[in-house]
Amino acid sequence: MGWMEQTGQRDAAGEPITRMRTEVSAASEAELLGMTMVSDGSNFWLYSPADQRVITGSRDEFKESMQTNPAAPAMMLSEMINQGLEAVDLKVVGTETIAGRSTWKVDFTPRAETSAQLGLNGVINGTLWIDEELALPLKLTLDAGDLGQGTVELSTLQANTPIDPESFRFNQHPGDNEER
């Protein structure tokens, strides 16, 4: 499940700031089940129920945590989305129906400068299925080499509906270890 909302603010580099929450409700890797990533636009929290561990930090620390985290591919995608379309090379390869909606199927790879900035040290290949009407990604496949690969697909979509501000807050579970 996931929620994302623009704050209407921009960072020092002029990039839009977004709030988001992603929760893993199904996964082929048992240790990813229940993993939750929350960002209020200034800070992030990544919770791993498998280790009962929480990683927290600022937006700048977010990039550093991607290097040692099992959820790194999803976090890298989030950062690329936050940077905007100028961070990737896109190629429309067809159309398909996802979640009952017409989509464009688009292959993408990070541009060289994006790879260098995020410390990717290799090629990431991915495919997005983007809703034709709303221009929102409904499905993603990502191959990040040694960092892993996976697929995320929406089964339902609700757009332009109010999101409870509590969705962008992280509540630590008793007994969890916190790292910065």
C-alpha atoms as a PDB file:
ATOM      1  CA  MET A   1       0.000   0.000   0.000  1.00  0.00           C
ATOM      2  CA  GLY A   2       1.165   3.500  -0.555  1.00  0.00           C
ATOM      3  CA  TRP A   3       0.207   7.120  -0.187  1.00  0.00           C
ATOM      4  CA  MET A   4       1.936  10.138  -1.668  1.00  0.00           C
ATOM      5  CA  GLU A   5       1.114  13.822  -1.396  1.00  0.00           C
ATOM      6  CA  GLN A   6       2.846  16.959  -2.622  1.00  0.00           C
ATOM      7  CA  THR A   7       3.533  19.522   0.102  1.00  0.00           C
ATOM      8  CA  GLY A   8       3.532  22.495  -2.260  1.00  0.00           C
ATOM      9  CA  GLN A   9       7.091  23.287  -1.084  1.00  0.00           C
ATOM     10  CA  ARG A  10      10.461  22.956  -2.802  1.00  0.00           C
ATOM     11  CA  ASP A  11      13.883  22.121  -1.402  1.00  0.00           C
ATOM     12  CA  ALA A  12      17.028  24.276  -1.743  1.00  0.00           C
ATOM     13  CA  ALA A  13      17.677  22.794  -5.202  1.00  0.00           C
ATOM     14  CA  GLY A  14      14.148  23.702  -6.327  1.00  0.00           C
ATOM     15  CA  GLU A  15      12.895  20.102  -6.291  1.00  0.00           C
ATOM     16  CA  PRO A  16       9.303  19.455  -5.124  1.00  0.00           C
ATOM     17  CA  ILE A  17       8.958  18.049  -1.605  1.00  0.00           C
ATOM     18  CA  THR A  18       6.517  15.182  -1.136  1.00  0.00           C
ATOM     19  CA  ARG A  19       5.181  13.219   1.812  1.00  0.00           C
ATOM     20  CA  MET A  20       4.826   9.493   1.369  1.00  0.00           C
ATOM     21  CA  ARG A  21       4.114   6.225   3.091  1.00  0.00           C
ATOM     22  CA  THR A  22       4.719   2.734   1.714  1.00  0.00           C
ATOM     23  CA  GLU A  23       3.852  -0.520   3.476  1.00  0.00           C
ATOM     24  CA  VAL A  24       4.817  -3.977   2.188  1.00  0.00           C
ATOM     25  CA  SER A  25       1.744  -6.201   2.576  1.00  0.00           C
ATOM     26  CA  ALA A  26       2.943  -9.069   0.341  1.00  0.00           C
ATOM     27  CA  ALA A  27       6.479 -10.074  -0.603  1.00  0.00           C
ATOM     28  CA  SER A  28       8.431 -13.030  -1.921  1.00  0.00           C
ATOM     29  CA  GLU A  29      11.152 -12.297   0.668  1.00  0.00           C
ATOM     30  CA  ALA A  30       9.762 -12.925   4.178  1.00  0.00           C
ATOM     31  CA  GLU A  31      12.000 -10.282   5.784  1.00  0.00           C
ATOM     32  CA  LEU A  32      10.390  -7.560   3.643  1.00  0.00           C
ATOM     33  CA  LEU A  33       6.840  -8.331   4.809  1.00  0.00           C
ATOM     34  CA  GLY A  34       5.519  -5.490   6.947  1.00  0.00           C
ATOM     35  CA  MET A  35       8.376  -3.141   6.082  1.00  0.00           C
ATOM     36  CA  THR A  36       7.167   0.453   6.272  1.00  0.00           C
ATOM     37  CA  MET A  37       8.759   3.628   4.905  1.00  0.00           C
ATOM     38  CA  VAL A  38       7.342   7.006   5.922  1.00  0.00           C
ATOM     39  CA  SER A  39       8.486  10.492   4.951  1.00  0.00           C
ATOM     40  CA  ASP A  40       6.933  13.724   6.153  1.00  0.00           C
ATOM     41  CA  GLY A  41       8.929  15.676   3.564  1.00  0.00           C
ATOM     42  CA  SER A  42      11.748  16.593   5.978  1.00  0.00           C
ATOM     43  CA  ASN A  43      12.588  13.287   7.641  1.00  0.00           C
ATOM     44  CA  PHE A  44      12.174   9.616   6.867  1.00  0.00           C
ATOM     45  CA  TRP A  45      11.564   6.493   8.950  1.00  0.00           C
ATOM     46  CA  LEU A  46      12.146   2.975   7.689  1.00  0.00           C
ATOM     47  CA  TYR A  47      10.779   0.171   9.875  1.00  0.00           C
ATOM     48  CA  SER A  48      11.847  -3.459   9.481  1.00  0.00           C
ATOM     49  CA  PRO A  49       9.668  -5.791  11.578  1.00  0.00           C
ATOM     50  CA  ALA A  50      11.978  -8.719  10.778  1.00  0.00           C
ATOM     51  CA  ASP A  51      14.828  -7.087  12.771  1.00  0.00           C
ATOM     52  CA  GLN A  52      12.573  -4.873  14.902  1.00  0.00           C
ATOM     53  CA  ARG A  53      14.699  -1.998  13.651  1.00  0.00           C
ATOM     54  CA  VAL A  54      13.905   1.582  12.725  1.00  0.00           C
ATOM     55  CA  ILE A  55      16.192   3.741  10.615  1.00  0.00           C
ATOM     56  CA  THR A  56      15.490   7.456  10.775  1.00  0.00           C
ATOM     57  CA  GLY A  57      17.087  10.509   9.292  1.00  0.00           C
ATOM     58  CA  SER A  58      16.814  13.662   7.258  1.00  0.00           C
ATOM     59  CA  ARG A  59      16.218  13.795   3.514  1.00  0.00           C
ATOM     60  CA  ASP A  60      20.021  14.020   3.019  1.00  0.00           C
ATOM     61  CA  GLU A  61      20.614  10.968   5.221  1.00  0.00           C
ATOM     62  CA  PHE A  62      17.942   9.152   3.196  1.00  0.00           C
ATOM     63  CA  LYS A  63      20.340   8.864   0.261  1.00  0.00           C
ATOM     64  CA  GLU A  64      23.112   7.446   2.467  1.00  0.00           C
ATOM     65  CA  SER A  65      20.799   4.802   3.976  1.00  0.00           C
ATOM     66  CA  MET A  66      19.981   3.478   0.502  1.00  0.00           C
ATOM     67  CA  GLN A  67      23.472   1.994   0.289  1.00  0.00           C
ATOM     68  CA  THR A  68      22.970  -0.504   3.165  1.00  0.00           C
ATOM     69  CA  ASN A  69      19.242  -1.126   3.188  1.00  0.00           C
ATOM     70  CA  PRO A  70      17.267  -4.130   1.861  1.00  0.00           C
ATOM     71  CA  ALA A  71      14.560  -1.740   0.642  1.00  0.00           C
ATOM     72  CA  ALA A  72      17.112   0.261  -1.358  1.00  0.00           C
ATOM     73  CA  PRO A  73      15.567  -0.326  -4.818  1.00  0.00           C
ATOM     74  CA  ALA A  74      12.187   1.080  -3.729  1.00  0.00           C
ATOM     75  CA  MET A  75      13.886   3.963  -1.948  1.00  0.00           C
ATOM     76  CA  MET A  76      15.986   4.716  -5.052  1.00  0.00           C
ATOM     77  CA  LEU A  77      12.846   4.814  -7.181  1.00  0.00           C
ATOM     78  CA  SER A  78      11.265   7.203  -4.686  1.00  0.00           C
ATOM     79  CA  GLU A  79      14.288   9.476  -4.854  1.00  0.00           C
ATOM     80  CA  MET A  80      14.271   9.396  -8.679  1.00  0.00           C
ATOM     81  CA  ILE A  81      10.573  10.321  -8.676  1.00  0.00           C
ATOM     82  CA  ASN A  82      11.318  13.169  -6.265  1.00  0.00           C
ATOM     83  CA  GLN A  83      14.055  14.389  -8.628  1.00  0.00           C
ATOM     84  CA  GLY A  84      11.648  14.292 -11.544  1.00  0.00           C
ATOM     85  CA  LEU A  85      11.752  12.989 -15.069  1.00  0.00           C
ATOM     86  CA  GLU A  86      15.066  14.714 -15.774  1.00  0.00           C
ATOM     87  CA  ALA A  87      16.738  11.983 -13.662  1.00  0.00           C
ATOM     88  CA  VAL A  88      15.909   9.149 -16.068  1.00  0.00           C
ATOM     89  CA  ASP A  89      15.865   8.223 -19.743  1.00  0.00           C
ATOM     90  CA  LEU A  90      12.417   6.998 -20.830  1.00  0.00           C
ATOM     91  CA  LYS A  91      11.220   4.948 -23.797  1.00  0.00           C
ATOM     92  CA  VAL A  92       7.538   4.145 -24.460  1.00  0.00           C
ATOM     93  CA  VAL A  93       7.387   0.476 -25.527  1.00  0.00           C
ATOM     94  CA  GLY A  94       3.623  -0.146 -25.689  1.00  0.00           C
ATOM     95  CA  THR A  95       0.286   0.003 -23.876  1.00  0.00           C
ATOM     96  CA  GLU A  96      -1.351  -2.394 -21.397  1.00  0.00           C
ATOM     97  CA  THR A  97      -4.253  -2.512 -18.942  1.00  0.00           C
ATOM     98  CA  ILE A  98      -3.330  -2.444 -15.236  1.00  0.00           C
ATOM     99  CA  ALA A  99      -5.933  -2.342 -12.431  1.00  0.00           C
ATOM    100  CA  GLY A 100      -8.594  -1.956 -15.137  1.00  0.00           C
ATOM    101  CA  ARG A 101      -6.995   1.228 -16.485  1.00  0.00           C
ATOM    102  CA  SER A 102      -5.222   1.977 -19.780  1.00  0.00           C
ATOM    103  CA  THR A 103      -1.499   2.549 -19.290  1.00  0.00           C
ATOM    104  CA  TRP A 104       1.609   3.385 -21.274  1.00  0.00           C
ATOM    105  CA  LYS A 105       4.381   0.833 -20.763  1.00  0.00           C
ATOM    106  CA  VAL A 106       7.631   2.782 -20.349  1.00  0.00           C
ATOM    107  CA  ASP A 107      11.172   1.449 -19.931  1.00  0.00           C
ATOM    108  CA  PHE A 108      13.545   3.624 -17.907  1.00  0.00           C
ATOM    109  CA  THR A 109      17.158   3.832 -16.792  1.00  0.00           C
ATOM    110  CA  PRO A 110      18.758   6.495 -14.592  1.00  0.00           C
ATOM    111  CA  ARG A 111      20.858   9.025 -16.454  1.00  0.00           C
ATOM    112  CA  ALA A 112      24.614   8.932 -15.802  1.00  0.00           C
ATOM    113  CA  GLU A 113      24.539  11.975 -13.509  1.00  0.00           C
ATOM    114  CA  THR A 114      21.674  10.454 -11.487  1.00  0.00           C
ATOM    115  CA  SER A 115      23.590   7.189 -11.108  1.00  0.00           C
ATOM    116  CA  ALA A 116      26.637   9.114  -9.914  1.00  0.00           C
ATOM    117  CA  GLN A 117      24.619  11.284  -7.486  1.00  0.00           C
ATOM    118  CA  LEU A 118      22.843   8.286  -5.923  1.00  0.00           C
ATOM    119  CA  GLY A 119      25.993   6.147  -5.887  1.00  0.00           C
ATOM    120  CA  LEU A 120      24.402   3.406  -7.983  1.00  0.00           C
ATOM    121  CA  ASN A 121      27.660   2.251  -9.597  1.00  0.00           C
ATOM    122  CA  GLY A 122      25.787   0.275 -12.216  1.00  0.00           C
ATOM    123  CA  VAL A 123      22.797   0.196 -14.440  1.00  0.00           C
ATOM    124  CA  ILE A 124      19.287  -0.071 -13.089  1.00  0.00           C
ATOM    125  CA  ASN A 125      16.653  -1.180 -15.557  1.00  0.00           C
ATOM    126  CA  GLY A 126      12.995  -0.722 -14.936  1.00  0.00           C
ATOM    127  CA  THR A 127       9.602  -0.603 -16.538  1.00  0.00           C
ATOM    128  CA  LEU A 128       6.718   1.598 -15.451  1.00  0.00           C
ATOM    129  CA  TRP A 129       3.083   1.264 -16.467  1.00  0.00           C
ATOM    130  CA  ILE A 130       1.695   4.815 -16.325  1.00  0.00           C
ATOM    131  CA  ASP A 131      -2.023   5.558 -16.213  1.00  0.00           C
ATOM    132  CA  GLU A 132      -2.902   7.354 -19.474  1.00  0.00           C
ATOM    133  CA  GLU A 133      -5.505   9.619 -17.856  1.00  0.00           C
ATOM    134  CA  LEU A 134      -3.843  10.477 -14.528  1.00  0.00           C
ATOM    135  CA  ALA A 135      -0.159  10.121 -15.522  1.00  0.00           C
ATOM    136  CA  LEU A 136       0.444   8.028 -12.358  1.00  0.00           C
ATOM    137  CA  PRO A 137       2.565   4.870 -12.207  1.00  0.00           C
ATOM    138  CA  LEU A 138       0.387   1.792 -11.557  1.00  0.00           C
ATOM    139  CA  LYS A 139       3.037  -0.899 -11.884  1.00  0.00           C
ATOM    140  CA  LEU A 140       6.816  -1.032 -11.616  1.00  0.00           C
ATOM    141  CA  THR A 141       9.371  -3.705 -12.321  1.00  0.00           C
ATOM    142  CA  LEU A 142      12.915  -2.937 -11.261  1.00  0.00           C
ATOM    143  CA  ASP A 143      16.199  -4.779 -11.720  1.00  0.00           C
ATOM    144  CA  ALA A 144      18.867  -3.154  -9.565  1.00  0.00           C
ATOM    145  CA  GLY A 145      21.527  -5.809 -10.081  1.00  0.00           C
ATOM    146  CA  ASP A 146      23.137  -6.853  -6.791  1.00  0.00           C
ATOM    147  CA  LEU A 147      20.694  -4.667  -4.824  1.00  0.00           C
ATOM    148  CA  GLY A 148      17.791  -6.826  -5.960  1.00  0.00           C
ATOM    149  CA  GLN A 149      14.820  -6.911  -8.238  1.00  0.00           C
ATOM    150  CA  GLY A 150      11.101  -6.836  -7.825  1.00  0.00           C
ATOM    151  CA  THR A 151       7.669  -5.795  -8.959  1.00  0.00           C
ATOM    152  CA  VAL A 152       5.129  -3.495  -7.365  1.00  0.00           C
ATOM    153  CA  GLU A 153       1.612  -3.350  -8.819  1.00  0.00           C
ATOM    154  CA  LEU A 154      -1.480  -1.427  -7.756  1.00  0.00           C
ATOM    155  CA  SER A 155      -4.655  -3.457  -7.624  1.00  0.00           C
ATOM    156  CA  THR A 156      -6.883  -0.429  -6.967  1.00  0.00           C
ATOM    157  CA  LEU A 157      -6.398   3.320  -7.346  1.00  0.00           C
ATOM    158  CA  GLN A 158      -8.034   6.289  -5.662  1.00  0.00           C
ATOM    159  CA  ALA A 159      -6.818   9.659  -6.902  1.00  0.00           C
ATOM    160  CA  ASN A 160      -7.398  13.162  -5.597  1.00  0.00           C
ATOM    161  CA  THR A 161      -9.025  12.018  -2.377  1.00  0.00           C
ATOM    162  CA  PRO A 162      -8.056  13.523   0.983  1.00  0.00           C
ATOM    163  CA  ILE A 163      -5.270  11.718   2.860  1.00  0.00           C
ATOM    164  CA  ASP A 164      -5.283  11.685   6.639  1.00  0.00           C
ATOM    165  CA  PRO A 165      -2.174  13.625   7.811  1.00  0.00           C
ATOM    166  CA  GLU A 166      -1.531  10.799  10.309  1.00  0.00           C
ATOM    167  CA  SER A 167      -0.581   8.624   7.306  1.00  0.00           C
ATOM    168  CA  PHE A 168       2.706  10.559   7.123  1.00  0.00           C
ATOM    169  CA  ARG A 169       3.663  10.057  10.783  1.00  0.00           C
ATOM    170  CA  PHE A 170       5.644   7.134  12.077  1.00  0.00           C
ATOM    171  CA  ASN A 171       4.765   5.501  15.384  1.00  0.00           C
ATOM    172  CA  GLN A 172       7.589   3.386  16.740  1.00  0.00           C
ATOM    173  CA  HIS A 173       6.667  -0.032  18.081  1.00  0.00           C
ATOM    174  CA  PRO A 174       7.747  -0.964  21.627  1.00  0.00           C
ATOM    175  CA  GLY A 175      11.009  -2.899  21.617  1.00  0.00           C
ATOM    176  CA  ASP A 176      12.160  -1.597  18.219  1.00  0.00           C
ATOM    177  CA  ASN A 177      15.766  -0.469  17.910  1.00  0.00           C
ATOM    178  CA  GLU A 178      16.298   2.968  16.374  1.00  0.00           C
ATOM    179  CA  GLU A 179      19.257   3.922  14.203  1.00  0.00           C
ATOM    180  CA  ARG A 180      20.330   7.155  12.594  1.00  0.00           C
END
